[in-house]
Amino acid sequence: MTFRVSLYQEEVFCVYNGQGNGAHQLDRPADVIADTETDSLIICDCWNNRVVRWPRGNGTSGETIISNIACVGLTMDESGSLYVSEERKHEARRYRRGESQGTVVAGGNGEGSCLDQLDRP
C-alpha cells in the first residue's frame, strides 16, 4: 500500500501480503486515515472485523487496535480521538487513545431513521 505524501511523491507504508486475516494481511479494507502523531496509517479492515495500525517503517505487519467491529468508516479529530462507524450495531463510536471499548456518539438505538438511530453508517 502506498501513501501519497504530495502530488509528486509517494511513500510505501506497508507491503501487500495477499488477502487474509494474519497480522501482515488485510481483507477488504474499507477506509484508511493517516495518524500524524503516531506516524502510521489506521485501516478499517472490514472483513476481518478489526481496525489496525500500520506504523511507517514497519511495512510488514499491522497491530490490531480495535477488535470485533464491523468497521466501514474512520475519522480522527484534532485531539487524536478515533471515530469509527459500526455497521452491524448501527452506531458511531469514539475511541480516545488507548481505549478499547469506545463511547457511542451517534446511533446505538437500532437500525432506523429517527434522530437517535442510524442505518448501516
PDB file of N, CA and C in Angstrom:
ATOM      1  N   MET A   1       0.852  -1.155   0.000  1.00  0.00           N
ATOM      2  CA  MET A   1       0.000   0.000   0.000  1.00  0.00           C
ATOM      3  C   MET A   1       0.903   1.224   0.000  1.00  0.00           C
ATOM      4  N   THR A   2       0.592   2.176  -0.835  1.00  0.00           N
ATOM      5  CA  THR A   2       1.362   3.409  -0.849  1.00  0.00           C
ATOM      6  C   THR A   2       0.509   4.543  -0.324  1.00  0.00           C
ATOM      7  N   PHE A   3       1.172   5.537   0.219  1.00  0.00           N
ATOM      8  CA  PHE A   3       0.503   6.711   0.756  1.00  0.00           C
ATOM      9  C   PHE A   3       1.072   7.917   0.035  1.00  0.00           C
ATOM     10  N   ARG A   4       0.217   8.706  -0.583  1.00  0.00           N
ATOM     11  CA  ARG A   4       0.678   9.860  -1.340  1.00  0.00           C
ATOM     12  C   ARG A   4       1.050  10.980  -0.380  1.00  0.00           C
ATOM     13  N   VAL A   5       2.343  11.318  -0.342  1.00  0.00           N
ATOM     14  CA  VAL A   5       2.841  12.383   0.512  1.00  0.00           C
ATOM     15  C   VAL A   5       2.559  13.732  -0.125  1.00  0.00           C
ATOM     16  N   SER A   6       2.711  13.816  -1.422  1.00  0.00           N
ATOM     17  CA  SER A   6       2.393  15.031  -2.168  1.00  0.00           C
ATOM     18  C   SER A   6       1.997  14.602  -3.571  1.00  0.00           C
ATOM     19  N   LEU A   7       1.718  15.561  -4.406  1.00  0.00           N
ATOM     20  CA  LEU A   7       1.313  15.251  -5.772  1.00  0.00           C
ATOM     21  C   LEU A   7       2.403  14.493  -6.517  1.00  0.00           C
ATOM     22  N   TYR A   8       3.659  14.712  -6.142  1.00  0.00           N
ATOM     23  CA  TYR A   8       4.776  14.136  -6.882  1.00  0.00           C
ATOM     24  C   TYR A   8       5.536  13.057  -6.115  1.00  0.00           C
ATOM     25  N   GLN A   9       5.135  12.763  -4.903  1.00  0.00           N
ATOM     26  CA  GLN A   9       5.898  11.832  -4.085  1.00  0.00           C
ATOM     27  C   GLN A   9       4.971  10.823  -3.421  1.00  0.00           C
ATOM     28  N   GLU A  10       5.324   9.561  -3.471  1.00  0.00           N
ATOM     29  CA  GLU A  10       4.597   8.509  -2.768  1.00  0.00           C
ATOM     30  C   GLU A  10       5.563   7.787  -1.853  1.00  0.00           C
ATOM     31  N   GLU A  11       5.050   7.246  -0.780  1.00  0.00           N
ATOM     32  CA  GLU A  11       5.870   6.516   0.162  1.00  0.00           C
ATOM     33  C   GLU A  11       5.183   5.194   0.473  1.00  0.00           C
ATOM     34  N   VAL A  12       5.946   4.103   0.458  1.00  0.00           N
ATOM     35  CA  VAL A  12       5.385   2.794   0.778  1.00  0.00           C
ATOM     36  C   VAL A  12       5.215   2.695   2.289  1.00  0.00           C
ATOM     37  N   PHE A  13       3.999   2.391   2.738  1.00  0.00           N
ATOM     38  CA  PHE A  13       3.724   2.223   4.161  1.00  0.00           C
ATOM     39  C   PHE A  13       3.679   0.757   4.542  1.00  0.00           C
ATOM     40  N   CYS A  14       3.109  -0.065   3.711  1.00  0.00           N
ATOM     41  CA  CYS A  14       3.042  -1.478   4.036  1.00  0.00           C
ATOM     42  C   CYS A  14       3.072  -2.276   2.747  1.00  0.00           C
ATOM     43  N   VAL A  15       3.536  -3.485   2.856  1.00  0.00           N
ATOM     44  CA  VAL A  15       3.678  -4.359   1.707  1.00  0.00           C
ATOM     45  C   VAL A  15       2.456  -5.263   1.625  1.00  0.00           C
ATOM     46  N   TYR A  16       1.906  -5.415   0.420  1.00  0.00           N
ATOM     47  CA  TYR A  16       0.744  -6.281   0.237  1.00  0.00           C
ATOM     48  C   TYR A  16       1.173  -7.728   0.360  1.00  0.00           C
ATOM     49  N   ASN A  17       0.586  -8.443   1.290  1.00  0.00           N
ATOM     50  CA  ASN A  17       0.929  -9.839   1.556  1.00  0.00           C
ATOM     51  C   ASN A  17      -0.212 -10.782   1.225  1.00  0.00           C
ATOM     52  N   GLY A  18      -1.091 -10.362   0.333  1.00  0.00           N
ATOM     53  CA  GLY A  18      -2.222 -11.191  -0.035  1.00  0.00           C
ATOM     54  C   GLY A  18      -3.381 -11.026   0.927  1.00  0.00           C
ATOM     55  N   GLN A  19      -4.557 -11.365   0.440  1.00  0.00           N
ATOM     56  CA  GLN A  19      -5.784 -11.262   1.234  1.00  0.00           C
ATOM     57  C   GLN A  19      -5.773 -12.319   2.326  1.00  0.00           C
ATOM     58  N   GLY A  20      -6.135 -11.934   3.552  1.00  0.00           N
ATOM     59  CA  GLY A  20      -6.179 -12.896   4.643  1.00  0.00           C
ATOM     60  C   GLY A  20      -6.428 -12.225   5.969  1.00  0.00           C
ATOM     61  N   ASN A  21      -6.278 -13.010   7.063  1.00  0.00           N
ATOM     62  CA  ASN A  21      -6.560 -12.478   8.388  1.00  0.00           C
ATOM     63  C   ASN A  21      -5.352 -12.435   9.308  1.00  0.00           C
ATOM     64  N   GLY A  22      -4.169 -12.628   8.771  1.00  0.00           N
ATOM     65  CA  GLY A  22      -2.960 -12.523   9.579  1.00  0.00           C
ATOM     66  C   GLY A  22      -2.636 -11.072   9.905  1.00  0.00           C
ATOM     67  N   ALA A  23      -1.731 -10.865  10.852  1.00  0.00           N
ATOM     68  CA  ALA A  23      -1.325  -9.504  11.227  1.00  0.00           C
ATOM     69  C   ALA A  23      -0.657  -8.781  10.063  1.00  0.00           C
ATOM     70  N   HIS A  24      -0.176  -9.546   9.092  1.00  0.00           N
ATOM     71  CA  HIS A  24       0.501  -8.973   7.930  1.00  0.00           C
ATOM     72  C   HIS A  24      -0.428  -8.881   6.714  1.00  0.00           C
ATOM     73  N   GLN A  25      -1.737  -9.105   6.903  1.00  0.00           N
ATOM     74  CA  GLN A  25      -2.686  -9.134   5.794  1.00  0.00           C
ATOM     75  C   GLN A  25      -3.921  -8.294   6.103  1.00  0.00           C
ATOM     76  N   LEU A  26      -4.639  -7.947   5.030  1.00  0.00           N
ATOM     77  CA  LEU A  26      -5.916  -7.245   5.125  1.00  0.00           C
ATOM     78  C   LEU A  26      -6.941  -8.008   4.304  1.00  0.00           C
ATOM     79  N   ASP A  27      -8.215  -7.794   4.608  1.00  0.00           N
ATOM     80  CA  ASP A  27      -9.290  -8.403   3.830  1.00  0.00           C
ATOM     81  C   ASP A  27     -10.402  -7.370   3.652  1.00  0.00           C
ATOM     82  N   ARG A  28     -10.478  -6.821   2.465  1.00  0.00           N
ATOM     83  CA  ARG A  28     -11.458  -5.788   2.101  1.00  0.00           C
ATOM     84  C   ARG A  28     -11.347  -4.535   2.976  1.00  0.00           C
ATOM     85  N   PRO A  29     -10.177  -3.887   2.983  1.00  0.00           N
ATOM     86  CA  PRO A  29     -10.077  -2.638   3.742  1.00  0.00           C
ATOM     87  C   PRO A  29     -11.073  -1.620   3.203  1.00  0.00           C
ATOM     88  N   ALA A  30     -11.847  -1.005   4.104  1.00  0.00           N
ATOM     89  CA  ALA A  30     -12.924  -0.103   3.696  1.00  0.00           C
ATOM     90  C   ALA A  30     -12.544   1.362   3.805  1.00  0.00           C
ATOM     91  N   ASP A  31     -11.604   1.703   4.687  1.00  0.00           N
ATOM     92  CA  ASP A  31     -11.224   3.101   4.876  1.00  0.00           C
ATOM     93  C   ASP A  31      -9.823   3.149   5.459  1.00  0.00           C
ATOM     94  N   VAL A  32      -9.146   4.263   5.248  1.00  0.00           N
ATOM     95  CA  VAL A  32      -7.803   4.454   5.789  1.00  0.00           C
ATOM     96  C   VAL A  32      -7.610   5.932   6.100  1.00  0.00           C
ATOM     97  N   ILE A  33      -6.958   6.212   7.228  1.00  0.00           N
ATOM     98  CA  ILE A  33      -6.611   7.586   7.576  1.00  0.00           C
ATOM     99  C   ILE A  33      -5.160   7.618   8.041  1.00  0.00           C
ATOM    100  N   ALA A  34      -4.541   8.783   7.948  1.00  0.00           N
ATOM    101  CA  ALA A  34      -3.176   8.971   8.428  1.00  0.00           C
ATOM    102  C   ALA A  34      -3.223   9.520   9.844  1.00  0.00           C
ATOM    103  N   ASP A  35      -2.448   8.916  10.730  1.00  0.00           N
ATOM    104  CA  ASP A  35      -2.300   9.406  12.103  1.00  0.00           C
ATOM    105  C   ASP A  35      -0.911  10.015  12.202  1.00  0.00           C
ATOM    106  N   THR A  36      -0.841  11.334  12.128  1.00  0.00           N
ATOM    107  CA  THR A  36       0.457  12.004  12.111  1.00  0.00           C
ATOM    108  C   THR A  36       1.143  11.943  13.473  1.00  0.00           C
ATOM    109  N   GLU A  37       0.389  11.820  14.546  1.00  0.00           N
ATOM    110  CA  GLU A  37       1.002  11.763  15.878  1.00  0.00           C
ATOM    111  C   GLU A  37       1.801  10.480  16.071  1.00  0.00           C
ATOM    112  N   THR A  38       1.285   9.360  15.561  1.00  0.00           N
ATOM    113  CA  THR A  38       1.993   8.082  15.689  1.00  0.00           C
ATOM    114  C   THR A  38       2.729   7.704  14.408  1.00  0.00           C
ATOM    115  N   ASP A  39       2.668   8.577  13.396  1.00  0.00           N
ATOM    116  CA  ASP A  39       3.335   8.344  12.117  1.00  0.00           C
ATOM    117  C   ASP A  39       2.937   6.983  11.535  1.00  0.00           C
ATOM    118  N   SER A  40       1.625   6.776  11.425  1.00  0.00           N
ATOM    119  CA  SER A  40       1.123   5.488  10.954  1.00  0.00           C
ATOM    120  C   SER A  40      -0.170   5.676  10.178  1.00  0.00           C
ATOM    121  N   LEU A  41      -0.599   4.596   9.549  1.00  0.00           N
ATOM    122  CA  LEU A  41      -1.911   4.553   8.916  1.00  0.00           C
ATOM    123  C   LEU A  41      -2.836   3.740   9.804  1.00  0.00           C
ATOM    124  N   ILE A  42      -4.083   4.175   9.907  1.00  0.00           N
ATOM    125  CA  ILE A  42      -5.104   3.406  10.612  1.00  0.00           C
ATOM    126  C   ILE A  42      -6.073   2.913   9.549  1.00  0.00           C
ATOM    127  N   ILE A  43      -6.278   1.607   9.515  1.00  0.00           N
ATOM    128  CA  ILE A  43      -7.026   0.969   8.434  1.00  0.00           C
ATOM    129  C   ILE A  43      -8.234   0.230   8.997  1.00  0.00           C
ATOM    130  N   CYS A  44      -9.370   0.471   8.381  1.00  0.00           N
ATOM    131  CA  CYS A  44     -10.603  -0.233   8.700  1.00  0.00           C
ATOM    132  C   CYS A  44     -10.574  -1.541   7.893  1.00  0.00           C
ATOM    133  N   ASP A  45     -10.203  -2.631   8.525  1.00  0.00           N
ATOM    134  CA  ASP A  45     -10.066  -3.940   7.880  1.00  0.00           C
ATOM    135  C   ASP A  45     -11.414  -4.655   7.986  1.00  0.00           C
ATOM    136  N   CYS A  46     -12.308  -4.291   7.091  1.00  0.00           N
ATOM    137  CA  CYS A  46     -13.736  -4.608   7.172  1.00  0.00           C
ATOM    138  C   CYS A  46     -14.027  -6.099   7.360  1.00  0.00           C
ATOM    139  N   TRP A  47     -13.547  -6.943   6.472  1.00  0.00           N
ATOM    140  CA  TRP A  47     -13.930  -8.359   6.520  1.00  0.00           C
ATOM    141  C   TRP A  47     -13.207  -9.136   7.616  1.00  0.00           C
ATOM    142  N   ASN A  48     -12.190  -8.530   8.220  1.00  0.00           N
ATOM    143  CA  ASN A  48     -11.551  -9.143   9.383  1.00  0.00           C
ATOM    144  C   ASN A  48     -12.104  -8.576  10.687  1.00  0.00           C
ATOM    145  N   ASN A  49     -13.113  -7.698  10.584  1.00  0.00           N
ATOM    146  CA  ASN A  49     -13.775  -7.127  11.764  1.00  0.00           C
ATOM    147  C   ASN A  49     -12.783  -6.538  12.762  1.00  0.00           C
ATOM    148  N   ARG A  50     -11.916  -5.664  12.249  1.00  0.00           N
ATOM    149  CA  ARG A  50     -10.920  -5.043  13.114  1.00  0.00           C
ATOM    150  C   ARG A  50     -10.457  -3.716  12.523  1.00  0.00           C
ATOM    151  N   VAL A  51      -9.848  -2.921  13.381  1.00  0.00           N
ATOM    152  CA  VAL A  51      -9.163  -1.703  12.963  1.00  0.00           C
ATOM    153  C   VAL A  51      -7.698  -1.928  13.295  1.00  0.00           C
ATOM    154  N   VAL A  52      -6.823  -1.702  12.322  1.00  0.00           N
ATOM    155  CA  VAL A  52      -5.397  -1.957  12.513  1.00  0.00           C
ATOM    156  C   VAL A  52      -4.589  -0.687  12.304  1.00  0.00           C
ATOM    157  N   ARG A  53      -3.433  -0.641  12.959  1.00  0.00           N
ATOM    158  CA  ARG A  53      -2.486   0.454  12.778  1.00  0.00           C
ATOM    159  C   ARG A  53      -1.230  -0.117  12.123  1.00  0.00           C
ATOM    160  N   TRP A  54      -0.819   0.504  11.016  1.00  0.00           N
ATOM    161  CA  TRP A  54       0.405   0.108  10.326  1.00  0.00           C
ATOM    162  C   TRP A  54       1.418   1.233  10.493  1.00  0.00           C
ATOM    163  N   PRO A  55       2.433   1.047  11.346  1.00  0.00           N
ATOM    164  CA  PRO A  55       3.434   2.091  11.537  1.00  0.00           C
ATOM    165  C   PRO A  55       4.330   2.240  10.312  1.00  0.00           C
ATOM    166  N   ARG A  56       4.701   3.481  10.037  1.00  0.00           N
ATOM    167  CA  ARG A  56       5.636   3.722   8.941  1.00  0.00           C
ATOM    168  C   ARG A  56       6.992   3.156   9.341  1.00  0.00           C
ATOM    169  N   GLY A  57       7.669   2.573   8.399  1.00  0.00           N
ATOM    170  CA  GLY A  57       8.961   1.977   8.683  1.00  0.00           C
ATOM    171  C   GLY A  57       8.865   0.508   9.055  1.00  0.00           C
ATOM    172  N   ASN A  58       7.659   0.034   9.392  1.00  0.00           N
ATOM    173  CA  ASN A  58       7.430  -1.384   9.670  1.00  0.00           C
ATOM    174  C   ASN A  58       6.331  -1.840   8.726  1.00  0.00           C
ATOM    175  N   GLY A  59       6.650  -1.950   7.462  1.00  0.00           N
ATOM    176  CA  GLY A  59       5.645  -2.244   6.463  1.00  0.00           C
ATOM    177  C   GLY A  59       5.289  -3.703   6.327  1.00  0.00           C
ATOM    178  N   THR A  60       5.678  -4.535   7.288  1.00  0.00           N
ATOM    179  CA  THR A  60       5.427  -5.966   7.149  1.00  0.00           C
ATOM    180  C   THR A  60       4.218  -6.450   7.927  1.00  0.00           C
ATOM    181  N   SER A  61       3.774  -5.716   8.953  1.00  0.00           N
ATOM    182  CA  SER A  61       2.595  -6.154   9.693  1.00  0.00           C
ATOM    183  C   SER A  61       1.946  -4.986  10.418  1.00  0.00           C
ATOM    184  N   GLY A  62       0.682  -5.190  10.749  1.00  0.00           N
ATOM    185  CA  GLY A  62      -0.068  -4.181  11.479  1.00  0.00           C
ATOM    186  C   GLY A  62      -0.394  -4.660  12.879  1.00  0.00           C
ATOM    187  N   GLU A  63      -0.899  -3.735  13.687  1.00  0.00           N
ATOM    188  CA  GLU A  63      -1.290  -4.027  15.062  1.00  0.00           C
ATOM    189  C   GLU A  63      -2.792  -3.797  15.176  1.00  0.00           C
ATOM    190  N   THR A  64      -3.528  -4.778  15.679  1.00  0.00           N
ATOM    191  CA  THR A  64      -4.966  -4.611  15.875  1.00  0.00           C
ATOM    192  C   THR A  64      -5.191  -3.692  17.062  1.00  0.00           C
ATOM    193  N   ILE A  65      -5.906  -2.567  16.823  1.00  0.00           N
ATOM    194  CA  ILE A  65      -6.181  -1.638  17.919  1.00  0.00           C
ATOM    195  C   ILE A  65      -7.637  -1.711  18.377  1.00  0.00           C
ATOM    196  N   ILE A  66      -8.542  -2.209  17.511  1.00  0.00           N
ATOM    197  CA  ILE A  66      -9.936  -2.452  17.891  1.00  0.00           C
ATOM    198  C   ILE A  66     -10.352  -3.775  17.257  1.00  0.00           C
ATOM    199  N   SER A  67     -10.900  -4.683  18.054  1.00  0.00           N
ATOM    200  CA  SER A  67     -11.335  -5.998  17.571  1.00  0.00           C
ATOM    201  C   SER A  67     -12.853  -6.086  17.546  1.00  0.00           C
ATOM    202  N   ASN A  68     -13.350  -7.082  16.817  1.00  0.00           N
ATOM    203  CA  ASN A  68     -14.783  -7.414  16.788  1.00  0.00           C
ATOM    204  C   ASN A  68     -15.659  -6.216  16.456  1.00  0.00           C
ATOM    205  N   ILE A  69     -15.339  -5.560  15.343  1.00  0.00           N
ATOM    206  CA  ILE A  69     -16.110  -4.397  14.923  1.00  0.00           C
ATOM    207  C   ILE A  69     -16.327  -4.459  13.415  1.00  0.00           C
ATOM    208  N   ALA A  70     -17.554  -4.247  12.996  1.00  0.00           N
ATOM    209  CA  ALA A  70     -17.888  -4.209  11.564  1.00  0.00           C
ATOM    210  C   ALA A  70     -17.656  -2.780  11.067  1.00  0.00           C
ATOM    211  N   CYS A  71     -16.406  -2.418  11.016  1.00  0.00           N
ATOM    212  CA  CYS A  71     -15.992  -1.054  10.682  1.00  0.00           C
ATOM    213  C   CYS A  71     -16.131  -0.781   9.187  1.00  0.00           C
ATOM    214  N   VAL A  72     -16.690   0.373   8.861  1.00  0.00           N
ATOM    215  CA  VAL A  72     -16.751   0.779   7.451  1.00  0.00           C
ATOM    216  C   VAL A  72     -16.239   2.194   7.233  1.00  0.00           C
ATOM    217  N   GLY A  73     -16.028   2.965   8.295  1.00  0.00           N
ATOM    218  CA  GLY A  73     -15.555   4.332   8.132  1.00  0.00           C
ATOM    219  C   GLY A  73     -14.767   4.808   9.338  1.00  0.00           C
ATOM    220  N   LEU A  74     -13.779   5.682   9.079  1.00  0.00           N
ATOM    221  CA  LEU A  74     -12.897   6.206  10.119  1.00  0.00           C
ATOM    222  C   LEU A  74     -12.707   7.700   9.952  1.00  0.00           C
ATOM    223  N   THR A  75     -12.502   8.386  11.054  1.00  0.00           N
ATOM    224  CA  THR A  75     -12.008   9.760  11.042  1.00  0.00           C
ATOM    225  C   THR A  75     -11.346  10.008  12.389  1.00  0.00           C
ATOM    226  N   MET A  76     -10.545  11.069  12.465  1.00  0.00           N
ATOM    227  CA  MET A  76      -9.848  11.401  13.700  1.00  0.00           C
ATOM    228  C   MET A  76      -9.968  12.898  13.938  1.00  0.00           C
ATOM    229  N   ASP A  77     -10.194  13.281  15.194  1.00  0.00           N
ATOM    230  CA  ASP A  77     -10.283  14.706  15.499  1.00  0.00           C
ATOM    231  C   ASP A  77      -8.909  15.248  15.899  1.00  0.00           C
ATOM    232  N   GLU A  78      -8.856  16.559  16.165  1.00  0.00           N
ATOM    233  CA  GLU A  78      -7.582  17.219  16.451  1.00  0.00           C
ATOM    234  C   GLU A  78      -6.947  16.760  17.763  1.00  0.00           C
ATOM    235  N   SER A  79      -7.711  16.163  18.658  1.00  0.00           N
ATOM    236  CA  SER A  79      -7.135  15.663  19.909  1.00  0.00           C
ATOM    237  C   SER A  79      -6.667  14.212  19.795  1.00  0.00           C
ATOM    238  N   GLY A  80      -6.836  13.607  18.631  1.00  0.00           N
ATOM    239  CA  GLY A  80      -6.377  12.242  18.414  1.00  0.00           C
ATOM    240  C   GLY A  80      -7.404  11.166  18.705  1.00  0.00           C
ATOM    241  N   SER A  81      -8.641  11.568  19.022  1.00  0.00           N
ATOM    242  CA  SER A  81      -9.696  10.567  19.219  1.00  0.00           C
ATOM    243  C   SER A  81     -10.112  10.003  17.867  1.00  0.00           C
ATOM    244  N   LEU A  82     -10.278   8.698  17.822  1.00  0.00           N
ATOM    245  CA  LEU A  82     -10.653   7.994  16.600  1.00  0.00           C
ATOM    246  C   LEU A  82     -12.156   7.746  16.612  1.00  0.00           C
ATOM    247  N   TYR A  83     -12.834   8.055  15.507  1.00  0.00           N
ATOM    248  CA  TYR A  83     -14.269   7.818  15.365  1.00  0.00           C
ATOM    249  C   TYR A  83     -14.455   6.718  14.334  1.00  0.00           C
ATOM    250  N   VAL A  84     -15.229   5.696  14.709  1.00  0.00           N
ATOM    251  CA  VAL A  84     -15.401   4.511  13.878  1.00  0.00           C
ATOM    252  C   VAL A  84     -16.888   4.248  13.687  1.00  0.00           C
ATOM    253  N   SER A  85     -17.304   4.076  12.432  1.00  0.00           N
ATOM    254  CA  SER A  85     -18.698   3.691  12.188  1.00  0.00           C
ATOM    255  C   SER A  85     -18.799   2.172  12.257  1.00  0.00           C
ATOM    256  N   GLU A  86     -19.794   1.699  12.987  1.00  0.00           N
ATOM    257  CA  GLU A  86     -20.015   0.267  13.246  1.00  0.00           C
ATOM    258  C   GLU A  86     -21.305  -0.131  12.544  1.00  0.00           C
ATOM    259  N   GLU A  87     -21.154  -0.844  11.426  1.00  0.00           N
ATOM    260  CA  GLU A  87     -22.290  -1.157  10.562  1.00  0.00           C
ATOM    261  C   GLU A  87     -23.332  -2.062  11.224  1.00  0.00           C
ATOM    262  N   ARG A  88     -22.901  -3.136  11.874  1.00  0.00           N
ATOM    263  CA  ARG A  88     -23.850  -4.096  12.463  1.00  0.00           C
ATOM    264  C   ARG A  88     -24.659  -3.506  13.611  1.00  0.00           C
ATOM    265  N   LYS A  89     -24.033  -2.634  14.391  1.00  0.00           N
ATOM    266  CA  LYS A  89     -24.718  -2.054  15.552  1.00  0.00           C
ATOM    267  C   LYS A  89     -25.383  -0.717  15.228  1.00  0.00           C
ATOM    268  N   HIS A  90     -25.229  -0.262  13.990  1.00  0.00           N
ATOM    269  CA  HIS A  90     -25.860   0.989  13.548  1.00  0.00           C
ATOM    270  C   HIS A  90     -25.479   2.147  14.472  1.00  0.00           C
ATOM    271  N   GLU A  91     -24.157   2.321  14.651  1.00  0.00           N
ATOM    272  CA  GLU A  91     -23.690   3.371  15.548  1.00  0.00           C
ATOM    273  C   GLU A  91     -22.315   3.875  15.132  1.00  0.00           C
ATOM    274  N   ALA A  92     -21.951   5.012  15.692  1.00  0.00           N
ATOM    275  CA  ALA A  92     -20.596   5.549  15.567  1.00  0.00           C
ATOM    276  C   ALA A  92     -20.028   5.641  16.974  1.00  0.00           C
ATOM    277  N   ARG A  93     -18.768   5.242  17.121  1.00  0.00           N
ATOM    278  CA  ARG A  93     -18.114   5.249  18.435  1.00  0.00           C
ATOM    279  C   ARG A  93     -16.865   6.118  18.403  1.00  0.00           C
ATOM    280  N   ARG A  94     -16.582   6.735  19.549  1.00  0.00           N
ATOM    281  CA  ARG A  94     -15.341   7.497  19.716  1.00  0.00           C
ATOM    282  C   ARG A  94     -14.404   6.683  20.603  1.00  0.00           C
ATOM    283  N   TYR A  95     -13.166   6.551  20.162  1.00  0.00           N
ATOM    284  CA  TYR A  95     -12.130   5.862  20.923  1.00  0.00           C
ATOM    285  C   TYR A  95     -11.024   6.866  21.215  1.00  0.00           C
ATOM    286  N   ARG A  96     -10.856   7.203  22.486  1.00  0.00           N
ATOM    287  CA  ARG A  96      -9.709   8.031  22.861  1.00  0.00           C
ATOM    288  C   ARG A  96      -8.479   7.140  22.823  1.00  0.00           C
ATOM    289  N   ARG A  97      -7.320   7.744  22.635  1.00  0.00           N
ATOM    290  CA  ARG A  97      -6.084   6.956  22.548  1.00  0.00           C
ATOM    291  C   ARG A  97      -5.986   5.991  23.724  1.00  0.00           C
ATOM    292  N   GLY A  98      -5.744   4.721  23.409  1.00  0.00           N
ATOM    293  CA  GLY A  98      -5.600   3.693  24.425  1.00  0.00           C
ATOM    294  C   GLY A  98      -6.888   2.988  24.819  1.00  0.00           C
ATOM    295  N   GLU A  99      -8.047   3.523  24.431  1.00  0.00           N
ATOM    296  CA  GLU A  99      -9.319   2.879  24.761  1.00  0.00           C
ATOM    297  C   GLU A  99      -9.588   1.708  23.826  1.00  0.00           C
ATOM    298  N   SER A 100     -10.205   0.665  24.354  1.00  0.00           N
ATOM    299  CA  SER A 100     -10.571  -0.468  23.505  1.00  0.00           C
ATOM    300  C   SER A 100     -12.082  -0.614  23.352  1.00  0.00           C
ATOM    301  N   GLN A 101     -12.868   0.011  24.212  1.00  0.00           N
ATOM    302  CA  GLN A 101     -14.326  -0.106  24.131  1.00  0.00           C
ATOM    303  C   GLN A 101     -14.967   1.062  23.396  1.00  0.00           C
ATOM    304  N   GLY A 102     -14.537   2.248  23.638  1.00  0.00           N
ATOM    305  CA  GLY A 102     -15.117   3.407  22.976  1.00  0.00           C
ATOM    306  C   GLY A 102     -16.455   3.809  23.572  1.00  0.00           C
ATOM    307  N   THR A 103     -16.939   4.962  23.135  1.00  0.00           N
ATOM    308  CA  THR A 103     -18.197   5.530  23.604  1.00  0.00           C
ATOM    309  C   THR A 103     -19.092   5.792  22.407  1.00  0.00           C
ATOM    310  N   VAL A 104     -20.348   5.387  22.478  1.00  0.00           N
ATOM    311  CA  VAL A 104     -21.295   5.655  21.394  1.00  0.00           C
ATOM    312  C   VAL A 104     -21.536   7.159  21.333  1.00  0.00           C
ATOM    313  N   VAL A 105     -21.342   7.746  20.143  1.00  0.00           N
ATOM    314  CA  VAL A 105     -21.563   9.185  19.961  1.00  0.00           C
ATOM    315  C   VAL A 105     -22.713   9.470  18.999  1.00  0.00           C
ATOM    316  N   ALA A 106     -23.164   8.460  18.268  1.00  0.00           N
ATOM    317  CA  ALA A 106     -24.315   8.608  17.363  1.00  0.00           C
ATOM    318  C   ALA A 106     -24.941   7.242  17.154  1.00  0.00           C
ATOM    319  N   GLY A 107     -26.262   7.212  17.063  1.00  0.00           N
ATOM    320  CA  GLY A 107     -26.975   5.950  16.863  1.00  0.00           C
ATOM    321  C   GLY A 107     -26.961   5.107  18.121  1.00  0.00           C
ATOM    322  N   GLY A 108     -26.838   3.790  17.917  1.00  0.00           N
ATOM    323  CA  GLY A 108     -26.804   2.875  19.049  1.00  0.00           C
ATOM    324  C   GLY A 108     -28.172   2.441  19.531  1.00  0.00           C
ATOM    325  N   ASN A 109     -29.217   2.873  18.856  1.00  0.00           N
ATOM    326  CA  ASN A 109     -30.584   2.512  19.237  1.00  0.00           C
ATOM    327  C   ASN A 109     -31.264   1.714  18.135  1.00  0.00           C
ATOM    328  N   GLY A 110     -30.493   0.841  17.514  1.00  0.00           N
ATOM    329  CA  GLY A 110     -31.030   0.008  16.449  1.00  0.00           C
ATOM    330  C   GLY A 110     -31.071   0.727  15.114  1.00  0.00           C
ATOM    331  N   GLU A 111     -31.355  -0.039  14.090  1.00  0.00           N
ATOM    332  CA  GLU A 111     -31.459   0.481  12.726  1.00  0.00           C
ATOM    333  C   GLU A 111     -32.717   1.320  12.590  1.00  0.00           C
ATOM    334  N   GLY A 112     -32.599   2.467  11.936  1.00  0.00           N
ATOM    335  CA  GLY A 112     -33.785   3.284  11.729  1.00  0.00           C
ATOM    336  C   GLY A 112     -33.472   4.674  11.235  1.00  0.00           C
ATOM    337  N   SER A 113     -34.517   5.470  11.107  1.00  0.00           N
ATOM    338  CA  SER A 113     -34.375   6.824  10.575  1.00  0.00           C
ATOM    339  C   SER A 113     -34.728   7.903  11.597  1.00  0.00           C
ATOM    340  N   CYS A 114     -34.918   7.526  12.854  1.00  0.00           N
ATOM    341  CA  CYS A 114     -35.178   8.515  13.905  1.00  0.00           C
ATOM    342  C   CYS A 114     -33.878   9.249  14.239  1.00  0.00           C
ATOM    343  N   LEU A 115     -33.987  10.354  14.949  1.00  0.00           N
ATOM    344  CA  LEU A 115     -32.820  11.167  15.265  1.00  0.00           C
ATOM    345  C   LEU A 115     -31.790  10.443  16.121  1.00  0.00           C
ATOM    346  N   ASP A 116     -32.189   9.432  16.869  1.00  0.00           N
ATOM    347  CA  ASP A 116     -31.251   8.684  17.707  1.00  0.00           C
ATOM    348  C   ASP A 116     -30.876   7.333  17.094  1.00  0.00           C
ATOM    349  N   GLN A 117     -31.086   7.177  15.783  1.00  0.00           N
ATOM    350  CA  GLN A 117     -30.782   5.924  15.091  1.00  0.00           C
ATOM    351  C   GLN A 117     -29.948   6.192  13.841  1.00  0.00           C
ATOM    352  N   LEU A 118     -29.242   5.156  13.404  1.00  0.00           N
ATOM    353  CA  LEU A 118     -28.517   5.170  12.138  1.00  0.00           C
ATOM    354  C   LEU A 118     -28.890   3.906  11.369  1.00  0.00           C
ATOM    355  N   ASP A 119     -28.608   3.920  10.080  1.00  0.00           N
ATOM    356  CA  ASP A 119     -28.884   2.769   9.228  1.00  0.00           C
ATOM    357  C   ASP A 119     -27.611   2.405   8.483  1.00  0.00           C
ATOM    358  N   ARG A 120     -26.857   1.471   9.037  1.00  0.00           N
ATOM    359  CA  ARG A 120     -25.588   0.995   8.466  1.00  0.00           C
ATOM    360  C   ARG A 120     -24.660   2.155   8.097  1.00  0.00           C
ATOM    361  N   PRO A 121     -24.212   2.912   9.097  1.00  0.00           N
ATOM    362  CA  PRO A 121     -23.372   4.091   8.802  1.00  0.00           C
ATOM    363  C   PRO A 121     -22.031   3.706   8.203  1.00  0.00           C
TER     364      PRO A 121
END
